[in-house]
């Protein structure tokens, strides 16, 4: 039996729309920029020194070659965490956001629970994580009483997708010697522990998982050091930056000055994007060497690291 034209058109339109939605949902989300949320009262009150944001910045620049747009440090507070996520995800609309901290077994470790509420996800014990706990920490678990075991299993209580929820979650296991996963939410937010050694280790493990989604800027960075003071070289740097903006476009080449007070030296950083003409950075370096004085010379990344 033939359907009336308007019925056929309605059916065809619905089918096309559904196919487009399925196709778009299967396309990996691009990663063009990044942000990080450091969670923990201990960072805000000076109990520990945050190195995770520093290592994440280096990871973004050196490994992914994408810009880190914002770093936020907040306390172990539900409203604070949600407000910080709003800034990173809604205001800045960042593609790749990492959280660090708040995943332990004590009452103030609330990151998983807050994330579940923020994204409208279920929040429950993950059987796969529990099995890995038992496999890797079985001897330790047998020594815990009921309340202690319940506290330990807080670390296996994760945000998970539920029926009708458009937000997807995925547990990423990169290391067979570790029971906990990197939690991936909506291919956009990645939840990592705050312990610096584990954070850096897992961050490096993530590179291969992320690589095919990264739209790299192919950032390059070079350094010139000088004994000239910042005030002495400021006028020339301002003029040179203006010339770079006029010639190559705003933000294509960025100059920065960073003093090493104890060494009585300054480093000039020259960062170029992938669309920078091949010899343009050479030209900028030459201009710096010829004009800023103070025994200026170009140094390598390794040499710059030694000056810190």
C-alpha atoms as a PDB file:
ATOM      1  CA  UNK A   1       0.000   0.000   0.000  1.00  0.00           C
ATOM      2  CA  UNK A   2       1.350   3.409  -0.978  1.00  0.00           C
ATOM      3  CA  UNK A   3       1.705   6.018   1.769  1.00  0.00           C
ATOM      4  CA  UNK A   4       0.465   9.590   1.244  1.00  0.00           C
ATOM      5  CA  UNK A   5       3.210  11.977   0.163  1.00  0.00           C
ATOM      6  CA  UNK A   6       3.320  13.850   3.472  1.00  0.00           C
ATOM      7  CA  UNK A   7       3.705  10.565   5.392  1.00  0.00           C
ATOM      8  CA  UNK A   8       6.521   9.489   3.083  1.00  0.00           C
ATOM      9  CA  UNK A   9       8.279  12.827   3.496  1.00  0.00           C
ATOM     10  CA  UNK A  10       7.925  12.704   7.293  1.00  0.00           C
ATOM     11  CA  UNK A  11       9.346   9.168   7.375  1.00  0.00           C
ATOM     12  CA  UNK A  12      12.235  10.093   5.060  1.00  0.00           C
ATOM     13  CA  UNK A  13      13.091  13.227   7.094  1.00  0.00           C
ATOM     14  CA  UNK A  14      13.070  11.279  10.368  1.00  0.00           C
ATOM     15  CA  UNK A  15      15.289   8.571   8.880  1.00  0.00           C
ATOM     16  CA  UNK A  16      17.826  11.068   7.534  1.00  0.00           C
ATOM     17  CA  UNK A  17      17.918  12.965  10.830  1.00  0.00           C
ATOM     18  CA  UNK A  18      18.450   9.724  12.793  1.00  0.00           C
ATOM     19  CA  UNK A  19      21.256   8.636  10.463  1.00  0.00           C
ATOM     20  CA  UNK A  20      22.964  12.020  10.823  1.00  0.00           C
ATOM     21  CA  UNK A  21      22.729  11.838  14.624  1.00  0.00           C
ATOM     22  CA  UNK A  22      24.196   8.324  14.650  1.00  0.00           C
ATOM     23  CA  UNK A  23      27.000   9.385  12.326  1.00  0.00           C
ATOM     24  CA  UNK A  24      27.852  12.493  14.365  1.00  0.00           C
ATOM     25  CA  UNK A  25      27.830  10.552  17.634  1.00  0.00           C
ATOM     26  CA  UNK A  26      30.372   8.076  16.199  1.00  0.00           C
ATOM     27  CA  UNK A  27      32.830  10.790  15.142  1.00  0.00           C
ATOM     28  CA  UNK A  28      35.581  11.231  17.766  1.00  0.00           C
ATOM     29  CA  UNK A  29      35.574  14.665  19.344  1.00  0.00           C
ATOM     30  CA  UNK A  30      38.480  16.859  18.352  1.00  0.00           C
ATOM     31  CA  UNK A  31      41.039  18.038  20.903  1.00  0.00           C
ATOM     32  CA  UNK A  32      42.335  21.519  20.076  1.00  0.00           C
ATOM     33  CA  UNK A  33      42.897  23.002  23.551  1.00  0.00           C
ATOM     34  CA  UNK A  34      43.026  21.989  27.186  1.00  0.00           C
ATOM     35  CA  UNK A  35      42.389  22.966  30.785  1.00  0.00           C
ATOM     36  CA  UNK A  36      43.073  21.455  34.180  1.00  0.00           C
ATOM     37  CA  UNK A  37      41.233  21.523  37.497  1.00  0.00           C
ATOM     38  CA  UNK A  38      43.365  20.852  40.576  1.00  0.00           C
ATOM     39  CA  UNK A  39      41.096  19.785  43.453  1.00  0.00           C
ATOM     40  CA  UNK A  40      42.248  19.842  47.046  1.00  0.00           C
ATOM     41  CA  UNK A  41      42.217  21.964  50.191  1.00  0.00           C
ATOM     42  CA  UNK A  42      45.795  20.861  50.791  1.00  0.00           C
ATOM     43  CA  UNK A  43      46.921  22.806  47.715  1.00  0.00           C
ATOM     44  CA  UNK A  44      45.040  25.961  48.705  1.00  0.00           C
ATOM     45  CA  UNK A  45      46.317  25.960  52.291  1.00  0.00           C
ATOM     46  CA  UNK A  46      49.939  25.322  51.317  1.00  0.00           C
ATOM     47  CA  UNK A  47      50.149  21.804  52.724  1.00  0.00           C
ATOM     48  CA  UNK A  48      51.485  20.466  49.409  1.00  0.00           C
ATOM     49  CA  UNK A  49      53.091  22.011  46.346  1.00  0.00           C
ATOM     50  CA  UNK A  50      51.094  21.534  43.151  1.00  0.00           C
ATOM     51  CA  UNK A  51      53.307  20.101  40.402  1.00  0.00           C
ATOM     52  CA  UNK A  52      50.512  18.443  38.422  1.00  0.00           C
ATOM     53  CA  UNK A  53      49.448  21.626  36.627  1.00  0.00           C
ATOM     54  CA  UNK A  54      53.089  22.243  35.662  1.00  0.00           C
ATOM     55  CA  UNK A  55      53.513  18.718  34.308  1.00  0.00           C
ATOM     56  CA  UNK A  56      50.181  18.907  32.505  1.00  0.00           C
ATOM     57  CA  UNK A  57      51.239  22.156  30.818  1.00  0.00           C
ATOM     58  CA  UNK A  58      54.427  20.488  29.620  1.00  0.00           C
ATOM     59  CA  UNK A  59      52.439  17.477  28.414  1.00  0.00           C
ATOM     60  CA  UNK A  60      50.078  19.678  26.398  1.00  0.00           C
ATOM     61  CA  UNK A  61      52.904  21.696  24.852  1.00  0.00           C
ATOM     62  CA  UNK A  62      55.533  19.000  24.265  1.00  0.00           C
ATOM     63  CA  UNK A  63      53.454  15.858  23.695  1.00  0.00           C
ATOM     64  CA  UNK A  64      50.157  17.057  22.185  1.00  0.00           C
ATOM     65  CA  UNK A  65      51.249  20.467  20.881  1.00  0.00           C
ATOM     66  CA  UNK A  66      48.010  22.150  21.934  1.00  0.00           C
ATOM     67  CA  UNK A  67      47.538  25.251  24.097  1.00  0.00           C
ATOM     68  CA  UNK A  68      46.654  24.951  27.773  1.00  0.00           C
ATOM     69  CA  UNK A  69      44.043  27.698  28.116  1.00  0.00           C
ATOM     70  CA  UNK A  70      43.310  27.678  31.846  1.00  0.00           C
ATOM     71  CA  UNK A  71      44.432  26.201  35.181  1.00  0.00           C
ATOM     72  CA  UNK A  72      42.057  26.308  38.159  1.00  0.00           C
ATOM     73  CA  UNK A  73      42.733  25.258  41.746  1.00  0.00           C
ATOM     74  CA  UNK A  74      39.689  24.711  43.950  1.00  0.00           C
ATOM     75  CA  UNK A  75      38.923  23.182  47.322  1.00  0.00           C
ATOM     76  CA  UNK A  76      37.205  19.931  48.254  1.00  0.00           C
ATOM     77  CA  UNK A  77      33.851  21.650  48.026  1.00  0.00           C
ATOM     78  CA  UNK A  78      30.909  20.653  45.828  1.00  0.00           C
ATOM     79  CA  UNK A  79      29.886  24.164  44.801  1.00  0.00           C
ATOM     80  CA  UNK A  80      33.498  25.163  44.137  1.00  0.00           C
ATOM     81  CA  UNK A  81      34.135  22.132  41.924  1.00  0.00           C
ATOM     82  CA  UNK A  82      30.943  22.657  39.910  1.00  0.00           C
ATOM     83  CA  UNK A  83      31.617  26.362  39.448  1.00  0.00           C
ATOM     84  CA  UNK A  84      35.137  25.558  38.257  1.00  0.00           C
ATOM     85  CA  UNK A  85      33.787  22.991  35.780  1.00  0.00           C
ATOM     86  CA  UNK A  86      31.366  25.609  34.463  1.00  0.00           C
ATOM     87  CA  UNK A  87      34.290  27.905  33.703  1.00  0.00           C
ATOM     88  CA  UNK A  88      36.278  25.214  31.894  1.00  0.00           C
ATOM     89  CA  UNK A  89      33.452  23.502  30.029  1.00  0.00           C
ATOM     90  CA  UNK A  90      30.846  26.201  29.465  1.00  0.00           C
ATOM     91  CA  UNK A  91      32.642  29.534  29.587  1.00  0.00           C
ATOM     92  CA  UNK A  92      35.916  28.432  27.953  1.00  0.00           C
ATOM     93  CA  UNK A  93      34.343  25.523  26.018  1.00  0.00           C
ATOM     94  CA  UNK A  94      37.543  23.501  26.270  1.00  0.00           C
ATOM     95  CA  UNK A  95      37.958  20.215  24.413  1.00  0.00           C
ATOM     96  CA  UNK A  96      40.199  18.368  26.881  1.00  0.00           C
ATOM     97  CA  UNK A  97      39.837  18.872  30.644  1.00  0.00           C
ATOM     98  CA  UNK A  98      41.757  16.925  33.279  1.00  0.00           C
ATOM     99  CA  UNK A  99      40.904  16.872  36.966  1.00  0.00           C
ATOM    100  CA  UNK A 100      43.458  15.986  39.608  1.00  0.00           C
ATOM    101  CA  UNK A 101      42.735  14.947  43.196  1.00  0.00           C
ATOM    102  CA  UNK A 102      39.845  14.085  45.497  1.00  0.00           C
ATOM    103  CA  UNK A 103      39.717  10.367  44.674  1.00  0.00           C
ATOM    104  CA  UNK A 104      40.739   8.865  48.010  1.00  0.00           C
ATOM    105  CA  UNK A 105      38.831   6.967  50.677  1.00  0.00           C
ATOM    106  CA  UNK A 106      38.128   9.745  53.199  1.00  0.00           C
ATOM    107  CA  UNK A 107      35.072  11.951  53.635  1.00  0.00           C
ATOM    108  CA  UNK A 108      36.612  14.932  51.833  1.00  0.00           C
ATOM    109  CA  UNK A 109      37.352  12.956  48.662  1.00  0.00           C
ATOM    110  CA  UNK A 110      34.230  13.926  46.744  1.00  0.00           C
ATOM    111  CA  UNK A 111      35.369  14.332  43.128  1.00  0.00           C
ATOM    112  CA  UNK A 112      33.620  11.241  41.727  1.00  0.00           C
ATOM    113  CA  UNK A 113      30.357  11.996  43.515  1.00  0.00           C
ATOM    114  CA  UNK A 114      30.316  15.642  42.426  1.00  0.00           C
ATOM    115  CA  UNK A 115      31.073  14.719  38.817  1.00  0.00           C
ATOM    116  CA  UNK A 116      28.218  12.217  38.801  1.00  0.00           C
ATOM    117  CA  UNK A 117      25.808  14.890  39.970  1.00  0.00           C
ATOM    118  CA  UNK A 118      27.209  17.535  37.625  1.00  0.00           C
ATOM    119  CA  UNK A 119      26.761  15.377  34.515  1.00  0.00           C
ATOM    120  CA  UNK A 120      23.563  13.632  35.642  1.00  0.00           C
ATOM    121  CA  UNK A 121      25.202  10.210  35.873  1.00  0.00           C
ATOM    122  CA  UNK A 122      24.642   7.233  38.150  1.00  0.00           C
ATOM    123  CA  UNK A 123      27.073   6.875  41.046  1.00  0.00           C
ATOM    124  CA  UNK A 124      27.747   3.306  42.104  1.00  0.00           C
ATOM    125  CA  UNK A 125      30.393   0.676  42.769  1.00  0.00           C
ATOM    126  CA  UNK A 126      32.097  -0.474  39.595  1.00  0.00           C
ATOM    127  CA  UNK A 127      32.470  -4.271  39.632  1.00  0.00           C
ATOM    128  CA  UNK A 128      35.441  -4.236  37.256  1.00  0.00           C
ATOM    129  CA  UNK A 129      37.382  -1.898  39.533  1.00  0.00           C
ATOM    130  CA  UNK A 130      36.497  -4.008  42.591  1.00  0.00           C
ATOM    131  CA  UNK A 131      37.773  -7.141  40.848  1.00  0.00           C
ATOM    132  CA  UNK A 132      41.029  -5.400  40.026  1.00  0.00           C
ATOM    133  CA  UNK A 133      41.287  -4.264  43.651  1.00  0.00           C
ATOM    134  CA  UNK A 134      40.869  -7.825  44.848  1.00  0.00           C
ATOM    135  CA  UNK A 135      43.363  -9.139  42.310  1.00  0.00           C
ATOM    136  CA  UNK A 136      46.070  -6.582  43.110  1.00  0.00           C
ATOM    137  CA  UNK A 137      45.388  -5.736  46.785  1.00  0.00           C
ATOM    138  CA  UNK A 138      43.659  -8.883  48.015  1.00  0.00           C
ATOM    139  CA  UNK A 139      46.025  -9.460  50.966  1.00  0.00           C
ATOM    140  CA  UNK A 140      45.528  -5.889  52.162  1.00  0.00           C
ATOM    141  CA  UNK A 141      41.743  -6.013  51.811  1.00  0.00           C
ATOM    142  CA  UNK A 142      41.469  -9.102  54.003  1.00  0.00           C
ATOM    143  CA  UNK A 143      42.988  -7.154  56.904  1.00  0.00           C
ATOM    144  CA  UNK A 144      40.322  -4.423  56.816  1.00  0.00           C
ATOM    145  CA  UNK A 145      37.214  -4.460  58.965  1.00  0.00           C
ATOM    146  CA  UNK A 146      33.772  -3.793  57.489  1.00  0.00           C
ATOM    147  CA  UNK A 147      33.890  -0.007  57.853  1.00  0.00           C
ATOM    148  CA  UNK A 148      37.447   0.227  56.549  1.00  0.00           C
ATOM    149  CA  UNK A 149      36.586  -1.935  53.547  1.00  0.00           C
ATOM    150  CA  UNK A 150      33.587   0.265  52.824  1.00  0.00           C
ATOM    151  CA  UNK A 151      35.862   3.308  52.904  1.00  0.00           C
ATOM    152  CA  UNK A 152      38.305   1.624  50.541  1.00  0.00           C
ATOM    153  CA  UNK A 153      35.502   0.834  48.107  1.00  0.00           C
ATOM    154  CA  UNK A 154      34.680   4.553  47.922  1.00  0.00           C
ATOM    155  CA  UNK A 155      37.554   4.617  45.446  1.00  0.00           C
ATOM    156  CA  UNK A 156      35.672   2.093  43.274  1.00  0.00           C
ATOM    157  CA  UNK A 157      32.397   4.053  43.395  1.00  0.00           C
ATOM    158  CA  UNK A 158      32.316   5.899  40.095  1.00  0.00           C
ATOM    159  CA  UNK A 159      30.070   7.957  37.843  1.00  0.00           C
ATOM    160  CA  UNK A 160      28.527   5.655  35.228  1.00  0.00           C
ATOM    161  CA  UNK A 161      26.138   6.153  32.331  1.00  0.00           C
ATOM    162  CA  UNK A 162      22.484   5.385  32.911  1.00  0.00           C
ATOM    163  CA  UNK A 163      19.548   4.706  30.622  1.00  0.00           C
ATOM    164  CA  UNK A 164      18.523   7.751  28.645  1.00  0.00           C
ATOM    165  CA  UNK A 165      21.649   9.714  29.550  1.00  0.00           C
ATOM    166  CA  UNK A 166      23.471  11.330  26.635  1.00  0.00           C
ATOM    167  CA  UNK A 167      26.739  11.567  28.575  1.00  0.00           C
ATOM    168  CA  UNK A 168      29.011   8.551  28.060  1.00  0.00           C
ATOM    169  CA  UNK A 169      31.628   7.241  30.477  1.00  0.00           C
ATOM    170  CA  UNK A 170      34.533   4.896  29.975  1.00  0.00           C
ATOM    171  CA  UNK A 171      37.079   3.361  32.329  1.00  0.00           C
ATOM    172  CA  UNK A 172      40.537   3.437  30.779  1.00  0.00           C
ATOM    173  CA  UNK A 173      43.038   0.913  32.124  1.00  0.00           C
ATOM    174  CA  UNK A 174      46.554   1.447  30.778  1.00  0.00           C
ATOM    175  CA  UNK A 175      48.642  -0.266  33.453  1.00  0.00           C
ATOM    176  CA  UNK A 176      48.084  -3.837  34.639  1.00  0.00           C
ATOM    177  CA  UNK A 177      49.824  -3.033  37.919  1.00  0.00           C
ATOM    178  CA  UNK A 178      47.209  -0.412  38.887  1.00  0.00           C
ATOM    179  CA  UNK A 179      43.638  -1.179  39.931  1.00  0.00           C
ATOM    180  CA  UNK A 180      42.134   2.252  39.349  1.00  0.00           C
ATOM    181  CA  UNK A 181      41.138   3.605  35.951  1.00  0.00           C
ATOM    182  CA  UNK A 182      41.322   6.959  34.298  1.00  0.00           C
ATOM    183  CA  UNK A 183      37.651   7.877  34.111  1.00  0.00           C
ATOM    184  CA  UNK A 184      36.671   9.385  30.753  1.00  0.00           C
ATOM    185  CA  UNK A 185      33.436  11.419  30.678  1.00  0.00           C
ATOM    186  CA  UNK A 186      31.911  12.374  27.331  1.00  0.00           C
ATOM    187  CA  UNK A 187      35.325  12.129  25.608  1.00  0.00           C
ATOM    188  CA  UNK A 188      36.081  15.461  27.239  1.00  0.00           C
ATOM    189  CA  UNK A 189      36.781  15.192  30.971  1.00  0.00           C
ATOM    190  CA  UNK A 190      39.468  12.858  32.323  1.00  0.00           C
ATOM    191  CA  UNK A 191      39.676  12.151  36.048  1.00  0.00           C
ATOM    192  CA  UNK A 192      43.149  11.464  37.452  1.00  0.00           C
ATOM    193  CA  UNK A 193      44.559  10.991  40.957  1.00  0.00           C
ATOM    194  CA  UNK A 194      46.344  13.830  42.695  1.00  0.00           C
ATOM    195  CA  UNK A 195      49.476  11.873  43.676  1.00  0.00           C
ATOM    196  CA  UNK A 196      52.113  13.483  41.413  1.00  0.00           C
ATOM    197  CA  UNK A 197      53.949  10.259  40.509  1.00  0.00           C
ATOM    198  CA  UNK A 198      50.714   8.527  39.495  1.00  0.00           C
ATOM    199  CA  UNK A 199      49.328  11.623  37.772  1.00  0.00           C
ATOM    200  CA  UNK A 200      52.380  11.990  35.524  1.00  0.00           C
ATOM    201  CA  UNK A 201      52.603   8.252  34.859  1.00  0.00           C
ATOM    202  CA  UNK A 202      48.962   7.996  33.781  1.00  0.00           C
ATOM    203  CA  UNK A 203      49.118  11.226  31.818  1.00  0.00           C
ATOM    204  CA  UNK A 204      51.893   9.826  29.653  1.00  0.00           C
ATOM    205  CA  UNK A 205      49.916   6.586  29.231  1.00  0.00           C
ATOM    206  CA  UNK A 206      46.999   8.614  27.835  1.00  0.00           C
ATOM    207  CA  UNK A 207      48.923  10.014  24.875  1.00  0.00           C
ATOM    208  CA  UNK A 208      48.283   7.119  22.515  1.00  0.00           C
ATOM    209  CA  UNK A 209      44.581   7.037  23.429  1.00  0.00           C
ATOM    210  CA  UNK A 210      44.208  10.744  22.639  1.00  0.00           C
ATOM    211  CA  UNK A 211      46.555  11.090  19.682  1.00  0.00           C
ATOM    212  CA  UNK A 212      44.108  10.418  16.831  1.00  0.00           C
ATOM    213  CA  UNK A 213      41.764  13.144  18.137  1.00  0.00           C
ATOM    214  CA  UNK A 214      44.366  15.871  18.584  1.00  0.00           C
ATOM    215  CA  UNK A 215      44.414  18.783  16.165  1.00  0.00           C
ATOM    216  CA  UNK A 216      47.986  19.796  16.812  1.00  0.00           C
ATOM    217  CA  UNK A 217      49.255  23.335  16.392  1.00  0.00           C
ATOM    218  CA  UNK A 218      52.782  21.949  16.095  1.00  0.00           C
ATOM    219  CA  UNK A 219      53.990  24.510  18.578  1.00  0.00           C
ATOM    220  CA  UNK A 220      57.707  25.229  18.620  1.00  0.00           C
ATOM    221  CA  UNK A 221      59.617  27.133  21.271  1.00  0.00           C
ATOM    222  CA  UNK A 222      63.099  28.609  21.322  1.00  0.00           C
ATOM    223  CA  UNK A 223      65.030  30.479  23.986  1.00  0.00           C
ATOM    224  CA  UNK A 224      67.476  33.364  24.204  1.00  0.00           C
ATOM    225  CA  UNK A 225      69.158  34.309  27.484  1.00  0.00           C
ATOM    226  CA  UNK A 226      70.629  37.698  28.318  1.00  0.00           C
ATOM    227  CA  UNK A 227      72.173  39.540  31.245  1.00  0.00           C
ATOM    228  CA  UNK A 228      70.239  42.661  30.251  1.00  0.00           C
ATOM    229  CA  UNK A 229      67.468  43.611  32.657  1.00  0.00           C
ATOM    230  CA  UNK A 230      63.791  43.394  31.724  1.00  0.00           C
ATOM    231  CA  UNK A 231      63.360  47.177  31.815  1.00  0.00           C
ATOM    232  CA  UNK A 232      66.278  47.589  29.408  1.00  0.00           C
ATOM    233  CA  UNK A 233      64.909  45.166  26.835  1.00  0.00           C
ATOM    234  CA  UNK A 234      61.175  45.909  27.301  1.00  0.00           C
ATOM    235  CA  UNK A 235      60.922  48.621  24.576  1.00  0.00           C
ATOM    236  CA  UNK A 236      62.612  46.436  21.976  1.00  0.00           C
ATOM    237  CA  UNK A 237      60.495  43.358  22.869  1.00  0.00           C
ATOM    238  CA  UNK A 238      57.317  45.431  22.587  1.00  0.00           C
ATOM    239  CA  UNK A 239      58.352  46.713  19.162  1.00  0.00           C
ATOM    240  CA  UNK A 240      59.382  43.229  17.976  1.00  0.00           C
ATOM    241  CA  UNK A 241      56.088  41.692  19.152  1.00  0.00           C
ATOM    242  CA  UNK A 242      54.151  44.375  17.290  1.00  0.00           C
ATOM    243  CA  UNK A 243      56.157  43.659  14.139  1.00  0.00           C
ATOM    244  CA  UNK A 244      55.468  39.913  14.466  1.00  0.00           C
ATOM    245  CA  UNK A 245      51.745  40.561  14.880  1.00  0.00           C
ATOM    246  CA  UNK A 246      51.672  42.807  11.827  1.00  0.00           C
ATOM    247  CA  UNK A 247      53.682  40.400   9.664  1.00  0.00           C
ATOM    248  CA  UNK A 248      52.375  36.971  10.712  1.00  0.00           C
ATOM    249  CA  UNK A 249      49.082  37.672  12.492  1.00  0.00           C
ATOM    250  CA  UNK A 250      48.219  38.080  16.171  1.00  0.00           C
ATOM    251  CA  UNK A 251      49.305  35.124  18.282  1.00  0.00           C
ATOM    252  CA  UNK A 252      51.264  33.353  15.528  1.00  0.00           C
ATOM    253  CA  UNK A 253      54.562  34.235  17.198  1.00  0.00           C
ATOM    254  CA  UNK A 254      54.549  35.109  20.892  1.00  0.00           C
ATOM    255  CA  UNK A 255      57.442  36.585  22.850  1.00  0.00           C
ATOM    256  CA  UNK A 256      57.795  36.306  26.600  1.00  0.00           C
ATOM    257  CA  UNK A 257      60.366  37.473  29.137  1.00  0.00           C
ATOM    258  CA  UNK A 258      61.134  35.455  32.274  1.00  0.00           C
ATOM    259  CA  UNK A 259      63.687  36.686  34.827  1.00  0.00           C
ATOM    260  CA  UNK A 260      65.996  34.440  36.826  1.00  0.00           C
ATOM    261  CA  UNK A 261      66.522  36.802  39.751  1.00  0.00           C
ATOM    262  CA  UNK A 262      69.273  34.919  41.566  1.00  0.00           C
ATOM    263  CA  UNK A 263      71.253  34.376  38.365  1.00  0.00           C
ATOM    264  CA  UNK A 264      70.698  37.986  37.246  1.00  0.00           C
ATOM    265  CA  UNK A 265      69.621  36.734  33.835  1.00  0.00           C
ATOM    266  CA  UNK A 266      66.504  36.856  31.688  1.00  0.00           C
ATOM    267  CA  UNK A 267      65.141  34.281  29.285  1.00  0.00           C
ATOM    268  CA  UNK A 268      63.267  35.385  26.176  1.00  0.00           C
ATOM    269  CA  UNK A 269      60.841  32.714  25.004  1.00  0.00           C
ATOM    270  CA  UNK A 270      59.833  32.640  21.324  1.00  0.00           C
ATOM    271  CA  UNK A 271      56.816  30.426  20.593  1.00  0.00           C
ATOM    272  CA  UNK A 272      55.596  29.817  17.060  1.00  0.00           C
ATOM    273  CA  UNK A 273      52.548  27.960  15.687  1.00  0.00           C
ATOM    274  CA  UNK A 274      52.490  25.527  12.770  1.00  0.00           C
ATOM    275  CA  UNK A 275      51.450  28.210  10.316  1.00  0.00           C
ATOM    276  CA  UNK A 276      54.573  30.243  11.074  1.00  0.00           C
ATOM    277  CA  UNK A 277      56.757  30.589   7.943  1.00  0.00           C
ATOM    278  CA  UNK A 278      59.820  28.372   8.125  1.00  0.00           C
ATOM    279  CA  UNK A 279      62.545  30.987   8.546  1.00  0.00           C
ATOM    280  CA  UNK A 280      60.528  33.464  10.612  1.00  0.00           C
ATOM    281  CA  UNK A 281      61.634  32.140  13.997  1.00  0.00           C
ATOM    282  CA  UNK A 282      65.234  32.254  12.817  1.00  0.00           C
ATOM    283  CA  UNK A 283      64.704  35.904  11.929  1.00  0.00           C
ATOM    284  CA  UNK A 284      63.208  36.704  15.352  1.00  0.00           C
ATOM    285  CA  UNK A 285      66.079  34.962  17.135  1.00  0.00           C
ATOM    286  CA  UNK A 286      68.586  36.894  15.026  1.00  0.00           C
ATOM    287  CA  UNK A 287      66.920  40.197  15.865  1.00  0.00           C
ATOM    288  CA  UNK A 288      67.016  39.355  19.582  1.00  0.00           C
ATOM    289  CA  UNK A 289      70.677  38.397  19.499  1.00  0.00           C
ATOM    290  CA  UNK A 290      71.599  41.582  17.654  1.00  0.00           C
ATOM    291  CA  UNK A 291      69.564  44.009  19.758  1.00  0.00           C
ATOM    292  CA  UNK A 292      69.074  43.038  23.400  1.00  0.00           C
ATOM    293  CA  UNK A 293      72.736  42.956  24.447  1.00  0.00           C
ATOM    294  CA  UNK A 294      73.830  41.425  27.733  1.00  0.00           C
ATOM    295  CA  UNK A 295      75.874  38.685  26.026  1.00  0.00           C
ATOM    296  CA  UNK A 296      72.670  37.318  24.523  1.00  0.00           C
ATOM    297  CA  UNK A 297      72.793  33.772  23.220  1.00  0.00           C
ATOM    298  CA  UNK A 298      70.348  31.058  22.173  1.00  0.00           C
ATOM    299  CA  UNK A 299      70.018  28.053  24.477  1.00  0.00           C
ATOM    300  CA  UNK A 300      68.226  24.713  24.299  1.00  0.00           C
ATOM    301  CA  UNK A 301      65.173  23.523  26.253  1.00  0.00           C
ATOM    302  CA  UNK A 302      67.425  21.391  28.456  1.00  0.00           C
ATOM    303  CA  UNK A 303      69.653  24.379  29.231  1.00  0.00           C
ATOM    304  CA  UNK A 304      66.604  26.524  30.062  1.00  0.00           C
ATOM    305  CA  UNK A 305      65.324  23.823  32.432  1.00  0.00           C
ATOM    306  CA  UNK A 306      68.636  23.980  34.301  1.00  0.00           C
ATOM    307  CA  UNK A 307      68.142  27.699  34.973  1.00  0.00           C
ATOM    308  CA  UNK A 308      64.936  27.178  37.000  1.00  0.00           C
END
